[in-house]
Amino acid sequence: MLKNKTNNLKTLILKELKLSDITPEYIKWLNNFETVKFTEQRYKKHTKKDVVNYVKKQIKSNNNFLYGIFLCDKKNKDKHISNIKLGSIDFNHKSAYISYLIRN
C-alpha cells in the first residue's frame, strides 16, 4: 500500500491487460516520447487500432503475458500507470524477457 500526502491509502494492482483498459489516456502516454524513449516504441505512432490488435495478440498468446499495473484508491478507482510483459517465453530453455513501461 502507498500513502499520499492527503493520507489516502492506495494499492498497486497487477492484472492482465484487457481491451477495456485501452483508453485515450493510455494511447497518449504510449505516444509520449519521455515515456517510451528507451524502448523500440519510440519509433512508432500508436493508434487505438494498433494497440487493440497488439493487446488481442498478447491475450491469445501462449508464451507472452501482458499485465497492467494500476493504482487503486479507496473508492476503487483504478488508474493505469504501467505495463509489464513476460515473453516471449522459451519453455525448452526456461527463459523469457521481461519488459516494462512506466507512465511518465
Foldseek 3Di string as FASTA:
>chain_A
DDADPVRWDKDKDKDFDDLVNDDPVVLVQLQDCVQCVPHPSPVDRDDNVNVSVVSVVQVPDPQKTKIFIWIQTPVRDTDTFKMKMWDNADPVVRDTDIDMTGGD
